[in-house]
Protein backbone atom coordinates (compact mmCIF):
# COMPACT_ATOMS: atom_id res chain seq x y z
CA UNK A 1 0.73 -10.55 -34.55
CA UNK A 2 -2.00 -12.78 -33.17
CA UNK A 3 -3.38 -15.82 -34.98
CA UNK A 4 -6.62 -13.93 -35.56
CA UNK A 5 -4.69 -11.06 -37.14
CA UNK A 6 -2.66 -13.50 -39.23
CA UNK A 7 -5.84 -15.12 -40.53
CA UNK A 8 -7.21 -11.70 -41.50
CA UNK A 9 -3.95 -10.61 -43.17
CA UNK A 10 -3.69 -13.83 -45.18
CA UNK A 11 -7.33 -13.52 -46.25
CA UNK A 12 -6.69 -9.96 -47.41
CA UNK A 13 -3.57 -11.04 -49.30
CA UNK A 14 -5.43 -13.86 -51.02
CA UNK A 15 -8.21 -11.56 -52.19
CA UNK A 16 -5.81 -8.83 -53.30
CA UNK A 17 -3.03 -10.88 -54.89
CA UNK A 18 -4.14 -14.47 -55.13
CA UNK A 19 -7.55 -13.89 -56.77
CA UNK A 20 -9.13 -16.65 -54.65
CA UNK A 21 -8.19 -19.55 -52.42
CA UNK A 22 -7.08 -22.74 -54.13
CA UNK A 23 -9.51 -25.52 -53.30
CA UNK A 24 -9.01 -27.48 -50.12
CA UNK A 25 -7.47 -30.50 -51.83
CA UNK A 26 -4.94 -28.32 -53.66
CA UNK A 27 -4.05 -26.52 -50.43
CA UNK A 28 -3.67 -29.86 -48.62
CA UNK A 29 -1.25 -31.02 -51.32
CA UNK A 30 0.61 -27.70 -51.05
CA UNK A 31 0.80 -28.05 -47.26
CA UNK A 32 2.30 -31.52 -47.67
CA UNK A 33 4.83 -30.13 -50.16
CA UNK A 34 5.83 -27.31 -47.81
CA UNK A 35 6.20 -29.68 -44.84
CA UNK A 36 8.46 -31.79 -47.05
CA UNK A 37 10.67 -28.76 -47.67
CA UNK A 38 10.93 -28.21 -43.91
CA UNK A 39 11.81 -31.90 -43.47
CA UNK A 40 14.52 -31.61 -46.11
CA UNK A 41 16.22 -28.74 -44.27
CA UNK A 42 15.89 -30.45 -40.87
CA UNK A 43 17.31 -33.73 -42.24
CA UNK A 44 20.33 -31.90 -43.62
CA UNK A 45 20.95 -29.41 -40.84
CA UNK A 46 20.20 -31.60 -37.81
CA UNK A 47 20.20 -35.08 -39.29
CA UNK A 48 22.78 -37.15 -41.05
CA UNK A 49 22.11 -36.11 -44.64
CA UNK A 50 24.46 -33.66 -46.34
CA UNK A 51 23.39 -30.55 -48.20
CA UNK A 52 23.16 -30.63 -51.99
CA UNK A 53 23.92 -27.69 -54.26
CA UNK A 54 20.16 -27.38 -54.88
CA UNK A 55 19.68 -26.74 -51.13
CA UNK A 56 21.60 -23.47 -51.35
CA UNK A 57 19.51 -20.56 -50.19
CA UNK A 58 16.92 -22.71 -48.43
CA UNK A 59 15.95 -21.09 -45.16
CA UNK A 60 14.15 -22.90 -42.34
CA UNK A 61 12.30 -19.79 -41.15
CA UNK A 62 11.02 -19.09 -44.66
CA UNK A 63 9.90 -22.68 -45.16
CA UNK A 64 8.13 -22.73 -41.77
CA UNK A 65 6.38 -19.51 -42.78
CA UNK A 66 5.26 -21.21 -46.01
CA UNK A 67 3.75 -24.03 -43.92
CA UNK A 68 1.99 -21.50 -41.69
CA UNK A 69 0.66 -19.54 -44.67
CA UNK A 70 -0.93 -22.60 -46.28
CA UNK A 71 -2.24 -23.82 -42.92
CA UNK A 72 -3.89 -20.43 -42.39
CA UNK A 73 -5.38 -20.63 -45.88
CA UNK A 74 -6.92 -24.00 -45.03
CA UNK A 75 -8.26 -22.67 -41.73
CA UNK A 76 -9.77 -19.62 -43.42
CA UNK A 77 -11.48 -21.50 -46.17
CA UNK A 78 -12.92 -24.13 -43.82
CA UNK A 79 -14.07 -21.66 -41.16
CA UNK A 80 -11.61 -22.65 -38.45
CA UNK A 81 -10.65 -19.99 -35.90
CA UNK A 82 -7.06 -20.99 -35.17
CA UNK A 83 -6.92 -19.03 -31.90
CA UNK A 84 -9.86 -20.96 -30.48
CA UNK A 85 -8.68 -24.25 -31.96
CA UNK A 86 -5.21 -23.87 -30.47
CA UNK A 87 -6.59 -22.98 -27.04
CA UNK A 88 -8.90 -26.02 -27.08
CA UNK A 89 -5.99 -28.19 -28.16
CA UNK A 90 -3.74 -26.89 -25.38
CA UNK A 91 -6.52 -27.51 -22.85
CA UNK A 92 -6.90 -31.07 -24.14
CA UNK A 93 -3.17 -31.72 -23.95
CA UNK A 94 -2.96 -30.24 -20.44
CA UNK A 95 -5.79 -32.43 -19.18
CA UNK A 96 -4.41 -35.54 -20.85
CA UNK A 97 -0.68 -35.06 -20.38
CA UNK A 98 -0.24 -32.85 -17.30
CA UNK A 99 1.90 -35.47 -15.54
CA UNK A 100 2.72 -37.88 -18.33
CA UNK A 101 5.89 -36.15 -19.51
CA UNK A 102 6.99 -35.20 -16.01
CA UNK A 103 6.91 -38.89 -15.08
CA UNK A 104 8.65 -40.09 -18.23
CA UNK A 105 12.11 -41.38 -17.25
CA UNK A 106 13.26 -40.98 -20.87
CA UNK A 107 12.84 -37.20 -20.53
CA UNK A 108 14.46 -36.84 -17.14
CA UNK A 109 18.22 -36.99 -16.66
């Protein structure tokens, strides 16, 4: 699935099942909440925190998909084409950082 297809699918889902998009501020708060759920899993699985009984059943892939869903909602409702935005961002990073990481002694063994 491409980003363009994902944006169309999410838009269709919203209009069929979600009635309408939540406003931008609500979706921003929801995005923050979902990113926090990803952080919780990462802190417990890869960090030094231990899992709690309430963490049972939490799945990183599902939580990342929740982040992506809300991000797509925000893009749709603000008129952002994520395919174009990502390409522009990659171009910017390539121009700015093409040698920066290659020359970083912290990243090289």
